[in-house]
Amino acid sequence: MICNRFSCVWQKLYKVSRYILLFLFCFALVVGCNNTSPQSSSVNTSQRISVGTTLKPRTLDPADNYELAGLNIIYNVGESLYTYKVGTTEIEPLLATAMPEISDDGSIYTIPIREGVTFHDGTAFNAEAMAFSLQRFIENGGKPAFLLGDAIAKVEATGEYELEITLKQPFAAFPALLAFPGACAVSPQAYKIGAGDFNPNILVGTGRYKLNQFKSDSISLNVNESYWGEKPANQGVNVQVYAGNSANLFNSFKTGAIDVGYQSLDPQQIESLIGGADKNWKVIEGSGTVVNYLVLSLQNEPVRQPEVRQAVASIINRALINQRVLKEQAEPIYSLIPTAFESYQATFENIYGDGNTAKAEELLTKAGYSAENPAIIEIWHPSGSITRGIVADTIKAYTEQELGGMIQFIPNSVESASFFGNLSKGIYPTALVDWYPDFLDPDNYIQPFLACSKGSPNTGCQEGAAQSRGSFYIKKTPIN
């Protein structure tokens, strides 16, 4: 596994507000920028920030958006009960005024609600509006509905500015779940509760910015002049979408057509910008919480055999991938949990090593494989990801060199929609995937990969998170 660092490039800006930095780090980690002198006439005259991205939002409805492109916008326009302190994974109140009071049995959360807040359409915000928003998130049945639906039994306003949430069962990470951008407050006057009743082209929240325009190739946000807290220092944000085209994003930034370039530049492009950083732009880097990983399916031979999976875990050389493919823009990790959390331990390194040829050879020999009888393993990735293609080729070349042909990786690709659709069907023996956390808690790096609601050791996971992520892992019941 590799945990990417987020990298972003900025033209010199006039009065850059720290609030726009969500476009850099979504809802995970944000950093501040100092005010600087203007770089271009467009920034100098309008004091609006222009952002370029390859991510195209499918919808801006918080109850149906489960993609990074839309969540970037939702975070800046909407507000949830809780958020994260800048640059940390520490939760702090936002539309709540304090951390929740939790019942002794851990099932009831009582939350004080902020007063003096209004939605962008002038509707007053209170506990009833927050309850409406959370109920709509669950009941309308959008893509992320399960996040709250699986945890919450009941939401009700117990006072004008007091909210009570009853859980189906105790869940220690629940406050982090309430920091998910999609769990933001939306105006009851602009939205309705009803299965499938979504408004993809509007976004009426309480945030520092309000939606001005949403087109297929551009989005503009204006400052919310009625915001309850500190307003942004700029006059608004223009987002230009270069759908799936990092070359256009890269060139637009270098020519000064945009002030900020983010998500997603290729490692080679970032390396070029880092090397050319001067008075015209600067690069901002920070530890990320996105995990890139190789998933091995328990449904397919030869990786169905434990020794083969262990051999793959041993031979993967994270440092080499980081150096040659990711240009030192990532951080190798040896756990399901990234290094951003205190609970991180280098478990995989302790057990399997890193590029451990001797151990891999020993395990493959035990499984009955040799250069004459190699373990042939397909490794799949989305065709649109140049970087993952290079990672697959690097793994193939390295294992052939180090193991003399005992493992033969065969890189394959398919367009993204088919790739992610096939992942949960057990079609791929191995696949290169990434994971953007729903909320910043170690649990959200474990449950999505290991949880299973139906299955057996013989069939693997048939229903549940492990099946959807393509591993089909199921915990074996110990025999006493």
Protein backbone atom coordinates (compact mmCIF):
# COMPACT_ATOMS: atom_id res chain seq x y z
CA MET A 1 0.00 0.00 0.00
CA ILE A 2 1.06 3.57 -0.65
CA CYS A 3 -0.47 6.55 1.14
CA ASN A 4 -0.32 9.51 -1.22
CA ARG A 5 0.66 12.99 -0.17
CA PHE A 6 -1.55 15.64 -1.67
CA SER A 7 0.38 18.09 -3.84
CA CYS A 8 -0.98 21.32 -5.21
CA VAL A 9 0.45 24.28 -7.07
CA TRP A 10 -0.51 27.93 -6.64
CA GLN A 11 0.14 30.97 -8.73
CA LYS A 12 0.96 33.98 -6.55
CA LEU A 13 -2.44 35.19 -5.33
CA TYR A 14 -3.92 38.36 -3.90
CA LYS A 15 -5.50 37.86 -0.46
CA VAL A 16 -5.75 34.07 -0.54
CA SER A 17 -8.23 32.90 2.09
CA ARG A 18 -7.56 29.69 3.96
CA TYR A 19 -11.16 28.65 3.34
CA ILE A 20 -10.65 27.94 -0.34
CA LEU A 21 -7.94 25.46 0.59
CA LEU A 22 -10.58 22.78 0.81
CA PHE A 23 -10.08 22.44 -2.93
CA LEU A 24 -6.62 21.21 -2.05
CA PHE A 25 -7.42 18.75 0.65
CA CYS A 26 -11.19 18.22 0.43
CA PHE A 27 -12.56 17.52 3.91
CA ALA A 28 -9.44 15.84 5.22
CA LEU A 29 -6.46 18.08 5.88
CA VAL A 30 -6.20 21.78 5.10
CA VAL A 31 -3.36 24.27 5.42
CA GLY A 32 -3.17 28.05 5.46
CA CYS A 33 -1.61 30.39 2.92
CA ASN A 34 -0.12 33.79 3.57
CA ASN A 35 -1.38 36.79 1.64
CA THR A 36 0.79 37.52 -1.37
CA SER A 37 1.06 40.02 -4.18
CA PRO A 38 -0.89 39.48 -7.41
CA GLN A 39 0.39 37.21 -10.17
CA SER A 40 -1.95 38.13 -13.01
CA SER A 41 -4.29 40.91 -14.04
CA SER A 42 -7.36 38.70 -13.54
CA VAL A 43 -6.50 38.13 -9.89
CA ASN A 44 -5.47 41.75 -9.48
CA THR A 45 -8.75 43.19 -10.75
CA SER A 46 -11.38 40.76 -9.50
CA GLN A 47 -9.74 39.28 -6.40
CA ARG A 48 -11.45 35.99 -7.32
CA ILE A 49 -9.50 32.73 -7.19
CA SER A 50 -9.46 30.52 -10.30
CA VAL A 51 -9.07 26.80 -9.65
CA GLY A 52 -8.40 24.11 -12.25
CA THR A 53 -9.27 20.45 -11.73
CA THR A 54 -9.82 17.29 -13.75
CA LEU A 55 -12.66 16.22 -11.43
CA LYS A 56 -16.16 16.75 -12.82
CA PRO A 57 -19.01 16.67 -10.27
CA ARG A 58 -21.83 14.29 -11.11
CA THR A 59 -24.22 16.04 -8.72
CA LEU A 60 -24.12 18.71 -6.02
CA ASP A 61 -26.92 17.18 -3.95
CA PRO A 62 -25.31 16.30 -0.61
CA ALA A 63 -27.66 13.33 -0.17
CA ASP A 64 -26.52 11.72 -3.41
CA ASN A 65 -22.90 12.79 -3.83
CA TYR A 66 -20.26 10.19 -3.01
CA GLU A 67 -17.42 11.46 -5.20
CA LEU A 68 -14.51 13.75 -4.39
CA ALA A 69 -15.39 16.21 -7.18
CA GLY A 70 -18.75 17.12 -5.66
CA LEU A 71 -17.61 16.86 -2.05
CA ASN A 72 -14.99 19.56 -2.69
CA ILE A 73 -17.79 21.97 -3.61
CA ILE A 74 -20.19 20.80 -0.92
CA TYR A 75 -17.58 21.32 1.80
CA ASN A 76 -17.14 24.98 0.83
CA VAL A 77 -20.85 25.73 0.34
CA GLY A 78 -22.38 23.56 3.06
CA GLU A 79 -21.53 22.96 6.71
CA SER A 80 -21.91 19.87 8.87
CA LEU A 81 -22.28 19.62 12.63
CA TYR A 82 -18.56 18.93 13.03
CA THR A 83 -15.40 19.46 11.02
CA TYR A 84 -11.63 18.98 11.43
CA LYS A 85 -9.11 21.39 12.84
CA VAL A 86 -6.94 22.69 10.04
CA GLY A 87 -4.06 20.33 9.27
CA THR A 88 -5.18 17.65 11.75
CA THR A 89 -7.59 14.75 12.16
CA GLU A 90 -8.97 16.35 15.34
CA ILE A 91 -12.73 16.99 15.29
CA GLU A 92 -14.20 20.33 16.34
CA PRO A 93 -17.75 21.78 16.35
CA LEU A 94 -19.04 23.73 13.34
CA LEU A 95 -22.84 23.97 13.25
CA ALA A 96 -22.79 22.34 16.64
CA THR A 97 -21.46 24.50 19.47
CA ALA A 98 -19.84 21.69 21.47
CA MET A 99 -18.96 18.03 21.25
CA PRO A 100 -21.99 15.78 21.88
CA GLU A 101 -23.16 14.60 25.25
CA ILE A 102 -23.31 10.80 25.08
CA SER A 103 -25.60 8.58 27.14
CA ASP A 104 -24.05 6.00 29.46
CA ASP A 105 -24.88 3.16 27.07
CA GLY A 106 -23.32 5.05 24.13
CA SER A 107 -26.51 5.05 22.04
CA ILE A 108 -27.90 8.59 22.42
CA TYR A 109 -26.06 11.75 21.31
CA THR A 110 -27.35 15.13 22.45
CA ILE A 111 -25.92 18.00 20.40
CA PRO A 112 -26.23 21.76 21.03
CA ILE A 113 -26.96 23.65 17.79
CA ARG A 114 -25.53 27.02 16.77
CA GLU A 115 -27.84 30.04 16.85
CA GLY A 116 -27.86 33.01 14.47
CA VAL A 117 -27.23 30.97 11.31
CA THR A 118 -29.21 31.31 8.06
CA PHE A 119 -29.23 29.34 4.83
CA HIS A 120 -28.25 31.00 1.56
CA ASP A 121 -31.96 31.42 0.68
CA GLY A 122 -32.63 33.26 3.95
CA THR A 123 -34.26 30.32 5.77
CA ALA A 124 -33.38 30.16 9.47
CA PHE A 125 -31.18 27.30 10.63
CA ASN A 126 -32.12 25.43 13.80
CA ALA A 127 -32.34 21.91 15.21
CA GLU A 128 -35.40 21.11 13.10
CA ALA A 129 -33.54 22.07 9.93
CA MET A 130 -30.57 19.91 10.95
CA ALA A 131 -32.85 16.96 11.73
CA PHE A 132 -34.53 17.43 8.34
CA SER A 133 -31.15 17.40 6.58
CA LEU A 134 -29.96 14.20 8.27
CA GLN A 135 -33.29 12.45 7.72
CA ARG A 136 -33.25 13.43 4.07
CA PHE A 137 -29.68 12.12 3.71
CA ILE A 138 -30.88 8.73 4.97
CA GLU A 139 -34.38 8.45 3.51
CA ASN A 140 -33.76 9.73 -0.01
CA GLY A 141 -31.51 6.73 -0.60
CA GLY A 142 -28.60 8.34 -2.41
CA LYS A 143 -25.18 6.76 -2.88
CA PRO A 144 -23.84 7.69 0.58
CA ALA A 145 -27.14 7.08 2.45
CA PHE A 146 -25.77 3.95 4.14
CA LEU A 147 -23.16 5.98 6.01
CA LEU A 148 -25.81 7.42 8.34
CA GLY A 149 -28.57 4.91 7.64
CA ASP A 150 -26.57 1.98 8.98
CA ALA A 151 -25.78 3.86 12.19
CA ILE A 152 -28.81 6.04 13.05
CA ALA A 153 -32.11 4.78 14.43
CA LYS A 154 -33.75 8.17 15.04
CA VAL A 155 -33.07 11.91 14.70
CA GLU A 156 -35.21 14.52 16.41
CA ALA A 157 -35.10 18.12 17.58
CA THR A 158 -35.60 18.14 21.34
CA GLY A 159 -35.46 21.94 21.48
CA GLU A 160 -35.08 24.82 19.05
CA TYR A 161 -31.32 24.49 19.30
CA GLU A 162 -30.88 20.96 20.60
CA LEU A 163 -30.63 17.79 18.52
CA GLU A 164 -30.88 14.21 19.75
CA ILE A 165 -29.60 11.29 17.69
CA THR A 166 -30.26 7.69 18.70
CA LEU A 167 -27.95 5.04 17.26
CA LYS A 168 -28.85 1.49 16.35
CA GLN A 169 -25.85 0.40 18.38
CA PRO A 170 -22.91 2.22 20.02
CA PHE A 171 -20.34 3.51 17.54
CA ALA A 172 -17.29 5.30 18.94
CA ALA A 173 -16.42 7.03 15.65
CA PHE A 174 -19.91 8.55 15.22
CA PRO A 175 -18.84 12.21 15.70
CA ALA A 176 -16.37 11.73 12.83
CA LEU A 177 -19.22 10.44 10.69
CA LEU A 178 -21.11 13.69 11.38
CA ALA A 179 -18.15 15.57 9.86
CA PHE A 180 -18.78 13.95 6.46
CA PRO A 181 -19.48 16.86 4.05
CA GLY A 182 -22.63 15.24 2.69
CA ALA A 183 -24.14 15.27 6.18
CA CYS A 184 -24.36 19.05 5.93
CA ALA A 185 -27.40 21.20 6.65
CA VAL A 186 -29.58 22.01 3.62
CA SER A 187 -32.50 24.41 3.46
CA PRO A 188 -35.89 22.75 4.09
CA GLN A 189 -37.35 25.28 1.65
CA ALA A 190 -35.15 24.09 -1.21
CA TYR A 191 -35.23 20.32 -0.69
CA LYS A 192 -37.74 17.55 0.02
CA ILE A 193 -37.62 14.19 1.75
CA GLY A 194 -38.55 11.32 -0.55
CA ALA A 195 -36.84 8.30 -2.08
CA GLY A 196 -34.86 9.40 -5.13
CA ASP A 197 -35.92 13.06 -4.80
CA PHE A 198 -32.62 14.82 -5.58
CA ASN A 199 -31.67 18.30 -6.77
CA PRO A 200 -28.37 17.74 -8.60
CA ASN A 201 -27.88 21.28 -9.91
CA ILE A 202 -28.48 23.38 -6.79
CA LEU A 203 -26.78 23.62 -3.42
CA VAL A 204 -28.35 25.68 -0.65
CA GLY A 205 -26.31 25.45 2.53
CA THR A 206 -24.95 27.71 5.27
CA GLY A 207 -21.26 27.93 4.28
CA ARG A 208 -18.87 30.80 3.64
CA TYR A 209 -19.43 30.46 -0.10
CA LYS A 210 -22.72 30.09 -1.98
CA LEU A 211 -23.25 28.48 -5.35
CA ASN A 212 -23.50 31.01 -8.17
CA GLN A 213 -23.34 28.80 -11.25
CA PHE A 214 -22.95 25.10 -12.01
CA LYS A 215 -22.11 24.07 -15.57
CA SER A 216 -20.63 20.93 -17.06
CA ASP A 217 -17.21 22.52 -17.45
CA SER A 218 -17.22 25.25 -14.80
CA ILE A 219 -18.48 26.18 -11.35
CA SER A 220 -18.51 29.57 -9.67
CA LEU A 221 -18.93 30.36 -5.98
CA ASN A 222 -19.64 33.77 -4.49
CA VAL A 223 -18.90 34.88 -0.95
CA ASN A 224 -21.83 34.47 1.46
CA GLU A 225 -22.16 38.04 2.72
CA SER A 226 -24.55 36.88 5.47
CA TYR A 227 -22.19 34.25 6.85
CA TRP A 228 -22.37 33.81 10.62
CA GLY A 229 -18.58 33.62 11.07
CA GLU A 230 -15.43 35.00 9.50
CA LYS A 231 -15.86 35.63 5.78
CA PRO A 232 -13.29 34.71 3.11
CA ALA A 233 -10.70 37.34 2.20
CA ASN A 234 -11.32 36.86 -1.54
CA GLN A 235 -14.36 37.79 -3.62
CA GLY A 236 -15.22 34.30 -4.79
CA VAL A 237 -13.99 31.23 -6.64
CA ASN A 238 -14.14 30.15 -10.29
CA VAL A 239 -13.57 26.44 -10.91
CA GLN A 240 -12.58 25.28 -14.40
CA VAL A 241 -13.11 21.56 -15.08
CA TYR A 242 -10.69 19.83 -17.46
CA ALA A 243 -12.52 16.51 -17.33
CA GLY A 244 -9.99 13.69 -17.20
CA ASN A 245 -7.31 15.78 -18.93
CA SER A 246 -4.31 16.48 -16.72
CA ALA A 247 -2.32 17.84 -19.69
CA ASN A 248 -4.78 20.72 -20.15
CA LEU A 249 -4.78 21.36 -16.39
CA PHE A 250 -0.97 21.38 -16.35
CA ASN A 251 -0.67 23.73 -19.33
CA SER A 252 -3.37 26.08 -18.04
CA PHE A 253 -1.55 26.45 -14.78
CA LYS A 254 1.85 27.04 -16.37
CA THR A 255 0.46 29.74 -18.66
CA GLY A 256 -1.31 31.52 -15.80
CA ALA A 257 -4.85 30.78 -17.02
CA ILE A 258 -5.66 29.44 -13.54
CA ASP A 259 -4.31 30.31 -10.09
CA VAL A 260 -4.60 26.87 -8.48
CA GLY A 261 -4.03 23.44 -10.01
CA TYR A 262 -5.42 20.47 -8.07
CA GLN A 263 -6.65 16.93 -8.63
CA SER A 264 -5.27 15.46 -10.58
CA LEU A 265 -1.82 16.14 -11.93
CA ASP A 266 0.42 13.19 -12.79
CA PRO A 267 3.55 12.66 -10.67
CA GLN A 268 5.76 13.68 -13.60
CA GLN A 269 3.85 16.95 -13.98
CA ILE A 270 4.09 17.67 -10.26
CA GLU A 271 7.82 16.90 -10.37
CA SER A 272 8.21 19.38 -13.21
CA LEU A 273 6.35 22.08 -11.30
CA ILE A 274 8.34 21.43 -8.15
CA GLY A 275 11.57 21.74 -10.13
CA GLY A 276 10.42 24.96 -11.79
CA ALA A 277 8.89 26.60 -8.73
CA ASP A 278 10.04 30.21 -8.54
CA LYS A 279 8.54 33.62 -7.95
CA ASN A 280 5.62 32.73 -10.24
CA TRP A 281 4.18 29.84 -8.24
CA LYS A 282 4.66 27.68 -5.19
CA VAL A 283 3.97 24.08 -4.37
CA ILE A 284 2.10 23.13 -1.22
CA GLU A 285 2.48 19.57 0.06
CA GLY A 286 0.97 17.86 3.06
CA SER A 287 0.37 14.39 4.43
CA GLY A 288 -2.73 12.87 2.88
CA THR A 289 -5.25 10.30 3.99
CA VAL A 290 -5.90 8.65 0.61
CA VAL A 291 -4.60 5.09 0.35
CA ASN A 292 -3.52 3.42 -2.88
CA TYR A 293 -3.48 -0.36 -2.62
CA LEU A 294 -3.31 -3.68 -4.42
CA VAL A 295 -6.31 -5.86 -3.60
CA LEU A 296 -6.01 -9.65 -3.84
CA SER A 297 -9.19 -11.64 -4.42
CA LEU A 298 -9.94 -14.79 -2.43
CA GLN A 299 -12.16 -15.88 -5.33
CA ASN A 300 -9.40 -16.46 -7.87
CA GLU A 301 -6.45 -18.76 -8.38
CA PRO A 302 -3.59 -18.59 -7.75
CA VAL A 303 -4.02 -15.77 -5.19
CA ARG A 304 -6.66 -17.87 -3.45
CA GLN A 305 -3.70 -19.73 -1.92
CA PRO A 306 -2.42 -18.08 1.28
CA GLU A 307 1.24 -18.68 0.36
CA VAL A 308 0.80 -16.84 -2.95
CA ARG A 309 -0.85 -13.86 -1.26
CA GLN A 310 1.92 -13.79 1.31
CA ALA A 311 4.54 -13.99 -1.44
CA VAL A 312 2.97 -11.00 -3.22
CA ALA A 313 2.92 -9.08 0.07
CA SER A 314 6.60 -9.89 0.55
CA ILE A 315 7.85 -8.99 -2.92
CA ILE A 316 6.03 -5.66 -3.35
CA ASN A 317 8.68 -2.94 -3.13
CA ARG A 318 6.90 0.19 -1.95
CA ALA A 319 10.05 2.31 -1.84
CA LEU A 320 10.82 1.47 -5.47
CA ILE A 321 7.28 2.36 -6.60
CA ASN A 322 7.43 5.62 -4.69
CA GLN A 323 10.79 6.50 -6.21
CA ARG A 324 10.32 5.49 -9.83
CA VAL A 325 6.59 5.98 -10.38
CA LEU A 326 5.35 8.49 -7.81
CA LYS A 327 8.54 10.57 -7.82
CA GLU A 328 8.83 10.57 -4.02
CA GLN A 329 5.41 12.22 -3.76
CA ALA A 330 3.94 9.45 -1.63
CA GLU A 331 4.64 7.76 1.67
CA PRO A 332 4.96 3.97 1.88
CA ILE A 333 2.66 2.43 4.46
CA TYR A 334 2.56 -1.06 5.92
CA SER A 335 -0.92 -1.20 7.37
CA LEU A 336 -4.55 -0.69 6.44
CA ILE A 337 -4.38 2.48 8.55
CA PRO A 338 -2.35 5.47 7.23
CA THR A 339 0.44 7.14 9.18
CA ALA A 340 -1.76 10.20 9.83
CA PHE A 341 -3.27 8.27 12.76
CA GLU A 342 -1.52 7.49 16.02
CA SER A 343 -2.78 3.89 15.82
CA TYR A 344 -0.63 3.25 12.73
CA GLN A 345 1.81 0.34 13.07
CA ALA A 346 4.07 -1.04 10.33
CA THR A 347 2.54 -4.51 10.62
CA PHE A 348 3.07 -5.64 7.02
CA GLU A 349 6.73 -4.60 7.08
CA ASN A 350 7.32 -6.51 10.30
CA ILE A 351 5.72 -9.66 8.93
CA TYR A 352 6.60 -9.61 5.22
CA GLY A 353 9.35 -7.03 4.80
CA ASP A 354 9.57 -4.81 1.70
CA GLY A 355 10.83 -6.30 -1.54
CA ASN A 356 11.73 -9.45 0.41
CA THR A 357 12.86 -11.76 -2.39
CA ALA A 358 14.00 -14.63 -0.17
CA LYS A 359 10.72 -14.84 1.70
CA ALA A 360 8.66 -14.61 -1.49
CA GLU A 361 10.70 -17.38 -3.12
CA GLU A 362 10.31 -19.60 -0.06
CA LEU A 363 6.53 -19.12 0.01
CA LEU A 364 6.10 -19.74 -3.73
CA THR A 365 8.19 -22.91 -3.54
CA LYS A 366 5.99 -24.10 -0.67
CA ALA A 367 2.91 -23.46 -2.84
CA GLY A 368 4.40 -25.55 -5.66
CA TYR A 369 5.50 -22.78 -8.04
CA SER A 370 8.81 -22.36 -9.83
CA ALA A 371 10.30 -20.68 -12.89
CA GLU A 372 9.13 -23.70 -14.89
CA ASN A 373 5.66 -23.61 -13.27
CA PRO A 374 5.04 -19.92 -12.54
CA ALA A 375 2.15 -18.36 -10.66
CA ILE A 376 0.44 -16.34 -13.39
CA ILE A 377 -1.48 -13.37 -11.95
CA GLU A 378 -3.48 -10.75 -13.82
CA ILE A 379 -3.21 -7.25 -12.34
CA TRP A 380 -6.03 -4.89 -13.39
CA HIS A 381 -6.42 -1.11 -13.25
CA PRO A 382 -8.62 1.61 -14.83
CA SER A 383 -7.39 2.47 -18.32
CA GLY A 384 -7.68 6.20 -17.62
CA SER A 385 -5.04 6.04 -14.90
CA ILE A 386 -1.60 6.38 -16.46
CA THR A 387 0.04 6.22 -13.04
CA ARG A 388 -1.56 2.91 -12.07
CA GLY A 389 -0.53 1.49 -15.42
CA ILE A 390 3.08 2.38 -14.68
CA VAL A 391 2.75 0.89 -11.18
CA ALA A 392 1.49 -2.39 -12.69
CA ASP A 393 4.38 -2.48 -15.18
CA THR A 394 6.87 -1.75 -12.39
CA ILE A 395 5.54 -4.60 -10.24
CA LYS A 396 5.72 -6.93 -13.24
CA ALA A 397 9.31 -5.98 -14.13
CA TYR A 398 10.58 -6.09 -10.56
CA THR A 399 9.12 -9.51 -9.74
CA GLU A 400 10.45 -11.00 -12.97
CA GLN A 401 13.90 -9.65 -12.20
CA GLU A 402 13.98 -10.71 -8.56
CA LEU A 403 12.12 -14.03 -8.72
CA GLY A 404 13.34 -15.35 -12.06
CA GLY A 405 9.84 -15.86 -13.41
CA MET A 406 8.29 -17.67 -10.41
CA ILE A 407 5.51 -15.04 -10.57
CA GLN A 408 4.35 -13.60 -13.86
CA PHE A 409 2.15 -10.53 -13.47
CA ILE A 410 0.04 -9.68 -16.52
CA PRO A 411 -1.09 -6.02 -16.49
CA ASN A 412 -4.56 -5.39 -17.94
CA SER A 413 -6.82 -2.35 -18.03
CA VAL A 414 -10.43 -1.47 -18.72
CA GLU A 415 -12.37 1.80 -18.66
CA SER A 416 -13.25 3.03 -15.18
CA ALA A 417 -17.00 2.28 -15.13
CA SER A 418 -16.43 -1.37 -16.06
CA PHE A 419 -13.45 -1.65 -13.72
CA PHE A 420 -15.34 -0.60 -10.61
CA GLY A 421 -18.42 -2.55 -11.67
CA ASN A 422 -16.38 -5.74 -12.07
CA LEU A 423 -14.38 -5.31 -8.87
CA SER A 424 -17.20 -6.56 -6.65
CA LYS A 425 -17.96 -9.49 -8.97
CA GLY A 426 -14.68 -11.29 -8.31
CA ILE A 427 -13.52 -10.99 -11.91
CA TYR A 428 -10.05 -9.66 -11.07
CA PRO A 429 -7.43 -11.76 -9.22
CA THR A 430 -5.65 -8.53 -8.29
CA ALA A 431 -6.47 -4.87 -8.87
CA LEU A 432 -4.89 -1.47 -8.21
CA VAL A 433 -7.39 0.77 -6.41
CA ASP A 434 -7.44 3.82 -4.16
CA TRP A 435 -9.55 4.61 -1.09
CA TYR A 436 -10.78 8.06 -0.11
CA PRO A 437 -12.05 7.86 3.48
CA ASP A 438 -15.67 8.75 4.25
CA PHE A 439 -14.58 10.17 7.60
CA LEU A 440 -11.26 10.52 9.36
CA ASP A 441 -11.16 7.65 11.81
CA PRO A 442 -9.06 4.46 11.69
CA ASP A 443 -12.30 2.45 11.61
CA ASN A 444 -12.97 3.78 8.10
CA TYR A 445 -9.82 2.06 6.85
CA ILE A 446 -10.71 -1.29 8.40
CA GLN A 447 -14.46 -1.84 8.09
CA PRO A 448 -14.67 -1.12 4.32
CA PHE A 449 -12.13 -3.84 3.62
CA LEU A 450 -12.85 -6.51 6.21
CA ALA A 451 -16.56 -6.34 7.08
CA CYS A 452 -18.79 -9.09 5.70
CA SER A 453 -22.50 -9.69 6.39
CA LYS A 454 -22.88 -12.92 4.41
CA GLY A 455 -20.48 -15.61 3.28
CA SER A 456 -18.37 -18.56 4.34
CA PRO A 457 -14.70 -19.58 4.29
CA ASN A 458 -15.43 -21.70 1.21
CA THR A 459 -17.32 -19.08 -0.81
CA GLY A 460 -15.66 -15.96 0.58
CA CYS A 461 -17.63 -12.84 1.36
CA GLN A 462 -20.85 -12.74 -0.69
CA GLU A 463 -22.37 -9.57 0.76
CA GLY A 464 -20.72 -6.69 2.56
CA ALA A 465 -17.84 -4.25 2.38
CA ALA A 466 -15.16 -6.85 1.68
CA GLN A 467 -17.12 -8.06 -1.34
CA SER A 468 -17.64 -4.53 -2.69
CA ARG A 469 -13.92 -3.71 -2.38
CA GLY A 470 -12.94 -6.84 -4.31
CA SER A 471 -11.10 -8.83 -1.63
CA PHE A 472 -13.98 -11.14 -0.56
CA TYR A 473 -12.29 -11.49 2.80
CA ILE A 474 -14.19 -13.28 5.53
CA LYS A 475 -13.00 -13.97 9.04
CA LYS A 476 -12.70 -17.67 9.80
CA THR A 477 -14.46 -18.86 12.93
CA PRO A 478 -11.90 -20.38 15.29
CA ILE A 479 -12.36 -24.03 16.28
CA ASN A 480 -12.08 -24.70 20.00
